[in-house]
Amino acid sequence: MADGCKDLNTCLALATYDDLKEMIKNEMHLRQKIFTIGVMNTEYFSFETFKDDERQCDHCKTTCFLSAIKCNCKHDDGNLRLVCVNHYENLCQKCPLEKFILLYRYRMDELKIMERELYRYITQLQ
């Protein structure tokens, strides 16, 4: 919604802005945590090109969109093994953390740009 903010009314734009700010804060914190524990590899990943059940956290079953962690192992059906960034410790017992890869839909600077553009749009509406 933030990426296509030009179609939002004032009320929805304000709610989206509040949600986006909180998402960015949480995402930054979680990514920093992931890097701190030793995951250093990152890879752009277009989550929306996969079916919901192919991009679910193996642990909590949430549909991943902003980021996830994967290892090189795959499920028996050939799908990726991945978890949301909250459940990195539940990904794989065979692979070391250094082999895990942080998948991301947007870089942090891209999220901040979206936040600024949405704020600019809201100020024009008011």
N, C-alpha and C. Protein backbone atom coordinates (compact mmCIF):
# COMPACT_ATOMS: atom_id res chain seq x y z
N MET A 1 0.83 -1.19 0.00
CA MET A 1 0.00 0.00 0.00
C MET A 1 0.87 1.25 0.00
N ALA A 2 1.98 1.19 0.76
CA ALA A 2 2.85 2.36 0.82
C ALA A 2 3.50 2.63 -0.52
N ASP A 3 3.79 1.56 -1.25
CA ASP A 3 4.45 1.71 -2.55
C ASP A 3 3.52 2.36 -3.58
N GLY A 4 2.22 2.14 -3.44
CA GLY A 4 1.24 2.74 -4.35
C GLY A 4 0.37 3.74 -3.63
N CYS A 5 0.97 4.59 -2.83
CA CYS A 5 0.22 5.48 -1.93
C CYS A 5 -0.64 6.51 -2.65
N LYS A 6 -0.38 6.78 -3.91
CA LYS A 6 -1.14 7.82 -4.63
C LYS A 6 -2.62 7.50 -4.75
N ASP A 7 -2.99 6.25 -4.47
CA ASP A 7 -4.40 5.85 -4.57
C ASP A 7 -5.10 5.83 -3.22
N LEU A 8 -4.41 6.23 -2.15
CA LEU A 8 -4.99 6.15 -0.81
C LEU A 8 -5.66 7.45 -0.41
N ASN A 9 -6.79 7.33 0.30
CA ASN A 9 -7.40 8.54 0.87
C ASN A 9 -6.63 8.92 2.14
N THR A 10 -6.93 10.06 2.70
CA THR A 10 -6.16 10.58 3.84
C THR A 10 -6.16 9.62 5.02
N CYS A 11 -7.30 9.11 5.39
CA CYS A 11 -7.41 8.23 6.55
C CYS A 11 -6.58 6.96 6.35
N LEU A 12 -6.70 6.35 5.19
CA LEU A 12 -5.96 5.13 4.90
C LEU A 12 -4.46 5.41 4.78
N ALA A 13 -4.11 6.54 4.21
CA ALA A 13 -2.70 6.92 4.08
C ALA A 13 -2.07 7.11 5.46
N LEU A 14 -2.78 7.75 6.38
CA LEU A 14 -2.27 7.95 7.74
C LEU A 14 -2.08 6.61 8.47
N ALA A 15 -3.06 5.73 8.33
CA ALA A 15 -2.95 4.41 8.97
C ALA A 15 -1.80 3.61 8.37
N THR A 16 -1.65 3.69 7.05
CA THR A 16 -0.57 2.99 6.37
C THR A 16 0.78 3.53 6.82
N TYR A 17 0.86 4.84 6.96
CA TYR A 17 2.10 5.48 7.40
C TYR A 17 2.49 5.00 8.80
N ASP A 18 1.53 4.95 9.71
CA ASP A 18 1.80 4.48 11.07
C ASP A 18 2.27 3.02 11.05
N ASP A 19 1.59 2.19 10.27
CA ASP A 19 1.98 0.78 10.17
C ASP A 19 3.37 0.64 9.54
N LEU A 20 3.63 1.41 8.51
CA LEU A 20 4.92 1.33 7.82
C LEU A 20 6.06 1.73 8.75
N LYS A 21 5.87 2.80 9.52
CA LYS A 21 6.91 3.22 10.46
C LYS A 21 7.23 2.11 11.45
N GLU A 22 6.21 1.46 11.97
CA GLU A 22 6.40 0.37 12.93
C GLU A 22 7.06 -0.84 12.25
N MET A 23 6.65 -1.16 11.03
CA MET A 23 7.26 -2.27 10.29
C MET A 23 8.73 -2.02 10.05
N ILE A 24 9.08 -0.81 9.65
CA ILE A 24 10.48 -0.47 9.38
C ILE A 24 11.31 -0.59 10.66
N LYS A 25 10.78 -0.09 11.75
CA LYS A 25 11.49 -0.17 13.03
C LYS A 25 11.75 -1.63 13.42
N ASN A 26 10.71 -2.46 13.32
CA ASN A 26 10.85 -3.88 13.65
C ASN A 26 11.80 -4.60 12.70
N GLU A 27 11.67 -4.30 11.42
CA GLU A 27 12.51 -4.95 10.41
C GLU A 27 13.98 -4.60 10.63
N MET A 28 14.26 -3.34 10.93
CA MET A 28 15.64 -2.92 11.18
C MET A 28 16.20 -3.66 12.39
N HIS A 29 15.42 -3.73 13.45
CA HIS A 29 15.85 -4.42 14.66
C HIS A 29 16.12 -5.90 14.39
N LEU A 30 15.21 -6.57 13.69
CA LEU A 30 15.36 -7.99 13.42
C LEU A 30 16.54 -8.28 12.50
N ARG A 31 16.73 -7.45 11.49
CA ARG A 31 17.87 -7.66 10.59
C ARG A 31 19.19 -7.46 11.32
N GLN A 32 19.25 -6.46 12.18
CA GLN A 32 20.47 -6.25 12.97
C GLN A 32 20.75 -7.45 13.87
N LYS A 33 19.70 -7.99 14.45
CA LYS A 33 19.82 -9.18 15.30
C LYS A 33 20.37 -10.35 14.48
N ILE A 34 19.84 -10.54 13.28
CA ILE A 34 20.28 -11.64 12.41
C ILE A 34 21.76 -11.49 12.07
N PHE A 35 22.19 -10.29 11.75
CA PHE A 35 23.60 -10.06 11.43
C PHE A 35 24.48 -10.26 12.66
N THR A 36 23.99 -9.88 13.83
CA THR A 36 24.74 -10.02 15.07
C THR A 36 25.01 -11.49 15.41
N ILE A 37 24.07 -12.37 15.10
CA ILE A 37 24.27 -13.79 15.44
C ILE A 37 25.14 -14.51 14.42
N GLY A 38 25.50 -13.83 13.32
CA GLY A 38 26.43 -14.44 12.39
C GLY A 38 25.94 -14.67 10.97
N VAL A 39 24.70 -14.35 10.69
CA VAL A 39 24.20 -14.48 9.31
C VAL A 39 24.70 -13.26 8.54
N MET A 40 25.51 -13.48 7.52
CA MET A 40 26.09 -12.36 6.79
C MET A 40 25.66 -12.32 5.32
N ASN A 41 25.14 -13.42 4.80
CA ASN A 41 24.75 -13.47 3.40
C ASN A 41 23.33 -12.95 3.22
N THR A 42 23.15 -12.14 2.20
CA THR A 42 21.82 -11.60 1.89
C THR A 42 21.52 -11.84 0.41
N GLU A 43 20.24 -11.84 0.10
CA GLU A 43 19.82 -12.07 -1.28
C GLU A 43 18.46 -11.41 -1.50
N TYR A 44 18.35 -10.66 -2.59
CA TYR A 44 17.05 -10.09 -2.94
C TYR A 44 16.11 -11.24 -3.26
N PHE A 45 14.85 -11.12 -2.84
CA PHE A 45 13.88 -12.18 -3.05
C PHE A 45 12.51 -11.56 -3.27
N SER A 46 11.90 -11.84 -4.38
CA SER A 46 10.58 -11.31 -4.69
C SER A 46 9.51 -12.27 -4.15
N PHE A 47 9.17 -12.10 -2.89
CA PHE A 47 8.26 -13.01 -2.20
C PHE A 47 6.93 -13.16 -2.92
N GLU A 48 6.43 -12.06 -3.47
CA GLU A 48 5.08 -12.09 -4.05
C GLU A 48 4.99 -12.95 -5.31
N THR A 49 6.11 -13.37 -5.86
CA THR A 49 6.06 -14.23 -7.05
C THR A 49 5.86 -15.70 -6.68
N PHE A 50 5.86 -16.01 -5.38
CA PHE A 50 5.64 -17.36 -4.91
C PHE A 50 4.25 -17.48 -4.29
N LYS A 51 3.69 -18.67 -4.35
CA LYS A 51 2.40 -18.91 -3.69
C LYS A 51 2.59 -18.74 -2.19
N ASP A 52 1.49 -18.39 -1.52
CA ASP A 52 1.57 -18.16 -0.07
C ASP A 52 2.16 -19.35 0.68
N ASP A 53 1.76 -20.57 0.33
CA ASP A 53 2.26 -21.73 1.06
C ASP A 53 3.73 -22.03 0.76
N GLU A 54 4.29 -21.44 -0.27
CA GLU A 54 5.71 -21.62 -0.59
C GLU A 54 6.59 -20.59 0.10
N ARG A 55 5.97 -19.58 0.70
CA ARG A 55 6.75 -18.55 1.39
C ARG A 55 6.31 -18.39 2.84
N GLN A 56 5.82 -19.48 3.39
CA GLN A 56 5.42 -19.48 4.79
C GLN A 56 6.59 -19.87 5.68
N CYS A 57 6.62 -19.27 6.85
CA CYS A 57 7.60 -19.66 7.85
C CYS A 57 7.35 -21.12 8.22
N ASP A 58 8.39 -21.94 8.16
CA ASP A 58 8.25 -23.35 8.51
C ASP A 58 7.85 -23.54 9.97
N HIS A 59 8.09 -22.54 10.80
CA HIS A 59 7.79 -22.66 12.23
C HIS A 59 6.40 -22.13 12.59
N CYS A 60 6.12 -20.87 12.26
CA CYS A 60 4.86 -20.25 12.71
C CYS A 60 3.81 -20.14 11.61
N LYS A 61 4.19 -20.48 10.38
CA LYS A 61 3.28 -20.49 9.22
C LYS A 61 2.83 -19.12 8.76
N THR A 62 3.46 -18.05 9.24
CA THR A 62 3.13 -16.72 8.73
C THR A 62 3.66 -16.61 7.30
N THR A 63 2.98 -15.84 6.47
CA THR A 63 3.43 -15.62 5.10
C THR A 63 4.49 -14.53 5.11
N CYS A 64 5.68 -14.87 4.63
CA CYS A 64 6.80 -13.93 4.63
C CYS A 64 6.67 -12.99 3.44
N PHE A 65 6.96 -11.71 3.68
CA PHE A 65 6.92 -10.73 2.61
C PHE A 65 8.13 -9.79 2.62
N LEU A 66 8.47 -9.25 3.77
CA LEU A 66 9.60 -8.33 3.83
C LEU A 66 10.94 -9.04 3.91
N SER A 67 11.00 -10.11 4.70
CA SER A 67 12.26 -10.82 4.84
C SER A 67 12.01 -12.23 5.37
N ALA A 68 13.02 -13.06 5.23
CA ALA A 68 12.99 -14.43 5.74
C ALA A 68 14.43 -14.92 5.78
N ILE A 69 14.62 -16.07 6.40
CA ILE A 69 15.93 -16.71 6.45
C ILE A 69 15.79 -18.07 5.77
N LYS A 70 16.78 -18.41 4.94
CA LYS A 70 16.78 -19.73 4.31
C LYS A 70 18.14 -20.37 4.47
N CYS A 71 18.16 -21.68 4.29
CA CYS A 71 19.43 -22.39 4.20
C CYS A 71 19.42 -23.09 2.84
N ASN A 72 20.41 -23.88 2.55
CA ASN A 72 20.48 -24.54 1.24
C ASN A 72 19.66 -25.81 1.18
N CYS A 73 19.16 -26.27 2.32
CA CYS A 73 18.32 -27.47 2.35
C CYS A 73 16.95 -27.16 1.75
N LYS A 74 16.32 -28.17 1.20
CA LYS A 74 14.96 -28.01 0.66
C LYS A 74 14.06 -29.06 1.28
N HIS A 75 12.77 -28.78 1.23
CA HIS A 75 11.78 -29.76 1.68
C HIS A 75 11.75 -30.91 0.68
N ASP A 76 11.12 -32.01 1.07
CA ASP A 76 11.01 -33.17 0.18
C ASP A 76 10.32 -32.83 -1.13
N ASP A 77 9.42 -31.83 -1.10
CA ASP A 77 8.71 -31.43 -2.32
C ASP A 77 9.52 -30.46 -3.18
N GLY A 78 10.74 -30.13 -2.76
CA GLY A 78 11.60 -29.24 -3.53
C GLY A 78 11.48 -27.77 -3.18
N ASN A 79 10.51 -27.43 -2.34
CA ASN A 79 10.33 -26.02 -1.94
C ASN A 79 11.44 -25.60 -0.98
N LEU A 80 11.68 -24.29 -0.95
CA LEU A 80 12.68 -23.73 -0.05
C LEU A 80 12.34 -24.04 1.40
N ARG A 81 13.37 -24.20 2.20
CA ARG A 81 13.21 -24.23 3.65
C ARG A 81 13.44 -22.81 4.10
N LEU A 82 12.44 -22.20 4.69
CA LEU A 82 12.64 -20.84 5.19
C LEU A 82 11.79 -20.58 6.42
N VAL A 83 12.25 -19.60 7.17
CA VAL A 83 11.53 -19.16 8.37
C VAL A 83 11.53 -17.64 8.38
N CYS A 84 10.58 -17.08 9.09
CA CYS A 84 10.58 -15.62 9.29
C CYS A 84 11.79 -15.27 10.16
N VAL A 85 12.18 -14.03 10.16
CA VAL A 85 13.37 -13.62 10.91
C VAL A 85 13.22 -13.83 12.42
N ASN A 86 11.99 -13.93 12.91
CA ASN A 86 11.77 -14.20 14.33
C ASN A 86 12.14 -15.62 14.72
N HIS A 87 12.15 -16.53 13.76
CA HIS A 87 12.34 -17.95 14.08
C HIS A 87 13.57 -18.57 13.43
N TYR A 88 14.63 -17.78 13.28
CA TYR A 88 15.86 -18.26 12.64
C TYR A 88 16.40 -19.52 13.34
N GLU A 89 16.21 -19.63 14.66
CA GLU A 89 16.75 -20.77 15.39
C GLU A 89 16.02 -22.07 15.07
N ASN A 90 14.89 -21.98 14.38
CA ASN A 90 14.11 -23.17 14.02
C ASN A 90 14.29 -23.58 12.56
N LEU A 91 15.26 -23.00 11.88
CA LEU A 91 15.40 -23.26 10.45
C LEU A 91 15.96 -24.63 10.16
N CYS A 92 17.17 -24.91 10.58
CA CYS A 92 17.85 -26.14 10.18
C CYS A 92 18.89 -26.49 11.24
N GLN A 93 18.92 -27.73 11.61
CA GLN A 93 19.91 -28.18 12.60
C GLN A 93 21.19 -28.66 11.93
N LYS A 94 21.16 -28.87 10.60
CA LYS A 94 22.34 -29.36 9.88
C LYS A 94 23.27 -28.22 9.43
N CYS A 95 22.69 -27.10 9.05
CA CYS A 95 23.47 -26.00 8.49
C CYS A 95 23.92 -25.03 9.58
N PRO A 96 25.18 -24.57 9.52
CA PRO A 96 25.63 -23.56 10.47
C PRO A 96 25.02 -22.20 10.12
N LEU A 97 24.92 -21.32 11.11
CA LEU A 97 24.34 -19.99 10.91
C LEU A 97 25.04 -19.24 9.77
N GLU A 98 26.33 -19.45 9.62
CA GLU A 98 27.08 -18.74 8.58
C GLU A 98 26.60 -19.09 7.17
N LYS A 99 25.91 -20.22 7.04
CA LYS A 99 25.40 -20.65 5.74
C LYS A 99 23.98 -20.16 5.48
N PHE A 100 23.33 -19.63 6.52
CA PHE A 100 21.98 -19.10 6.35
C PHE A 100 22.03 -17.84 5.48
N ILE A 101 20.94 -17.56 4.80
CA ILE A 101 20.86 -16.39 3.93
C ILE A 101 19.62 -15.58 4.31
N LEU A 102 19.83 -14.29 4.53
CA LEU A 102 18.71 -13.39 4.77
C LEU A 102 18.13 -13.00 3.42
N LEU A 103 16.89 -13.37 3.19
CA LEU A 103 16.17 -12.97 1.98
C LEU A 103 15.45 -11.67 2.31
N TYR A 104 15.48 -10.72 1.40
CA TYR A 104 14.80 -9.45 1.66
C TYR A 104 14.06 -9.00 0.41
N ARG A 105 12.91 -8.39 0.61
CA ARG A 105 12.13 -7.84 -0.50
C ARG A 105 12.57 -6.42 -0.81
N TYR A 106 12.87 -5.66 0.24
CA TYR A 106 13.32 -4.27 0.09
C TYR A 106 14.56 -4.06 0.95
N ARG A 107 15.51 -3.32 0.45
CA ARG A 107 16.63 -2.88 1.28
C ARG A 107 16.06 -1.87 2.29
N MET A 108 16.77 -1.66 3.38
CA MET A 108 16.29 -0.73 4.40
C MET A 108 16.19 0.68 3.83
N ASP A 109 17.12 1.08 2.97
CA ASP A 109 17.04 2.43 2.40
C ASP A 109 15.81 2.57 1.49
N GLU A 110 15.41 1.49 0.83
CA GLU A 110 14.20 1.54 0.00
C GLU A 110 12.95 1.71 0.87
N LEU A 111 12.93 1.03 2.01
CA LEU A 111 11.80 1.19 2.93
C LEU A 111 11.71 2.61 3.46
N LYS A 112 12.86 3.20 3.77
CA LYS A 112 12.88 4.58 4.26
C LYS A 112 12.41 5.55 3.18
N ILE A 113 12.76 5.30 1.93
CA ILE A 113 12.29 6.13 0.82
C ILE A 113 10.78 6.03 0.71
N MET A 114 10.23 4.82 0.82
CA MET A 114 8.77 4.64 0.79
C MET A 114 8.11 5.43 1.92
N GLU A 115 8.72 5.38 3.09
CA GLU A 115 8.19 6.11 4.24
C GLU A 115 8.18 7.61 3.96
N ARG A 116 9.26 8.14 3.42
CA ARG A 116 9.33 9.58 3.11
C ARG A 116 8.31 9.97 2.05
N GLU A 117 8.18 9.14 1.02
CA GLU A 117 7.22 9.45 -0.05
C GLU A 117 5.79 9.41 0.46
N LEU A 118 5.49 8.48 1.32
CA LEU A 118 4.15 8.41 1.90
C LEU A 118 3.90 9.62 2.79
N TYR A 119 4.89 10.02 3.57
CA TYR A 119 4.75 11.22 4.41
C TYR A 119 4.51 12.45 3.54
N ARG A 120 5.28 12.58 2.46
CA ARG A 120 5.12 13.71 1.54
C ARG A 120 3.70 13.72 0.94
N TYR A 121 3.22 12.55 0.57
CA TYR A 121 1.89 12.44 0.01
C TYR A 121 0.83 12.88 1.04
N ILE A 122 0.99 12.44 2.29
CA ILE A 122 0.03 12.81 3.35
C ILE A 122 0.03 14.31 3.57
N THR A 123 1.19 14.93 3.57
CA THR A 123 1.24 16.38 3.80
C THR A 123 0.58 17.15 2.65
N GLN A 124 0.61 16.60 1.44
CA GLN A 124 -0.07 17.23 0.31
C GLN A 124 -1.58 17.11 0.42
N LEU A 125 -2.05 16.01 1.06
CA LEU A 125 -3.48 15.81 1.21
C LEU A 125 -4.10 16.74 2.24
N GLN A 126 -3.30 17.15 3.21
CA GLN A 126 -3.85 17.93 4.32
C GLN A 126 -3.86 19.40 4.03
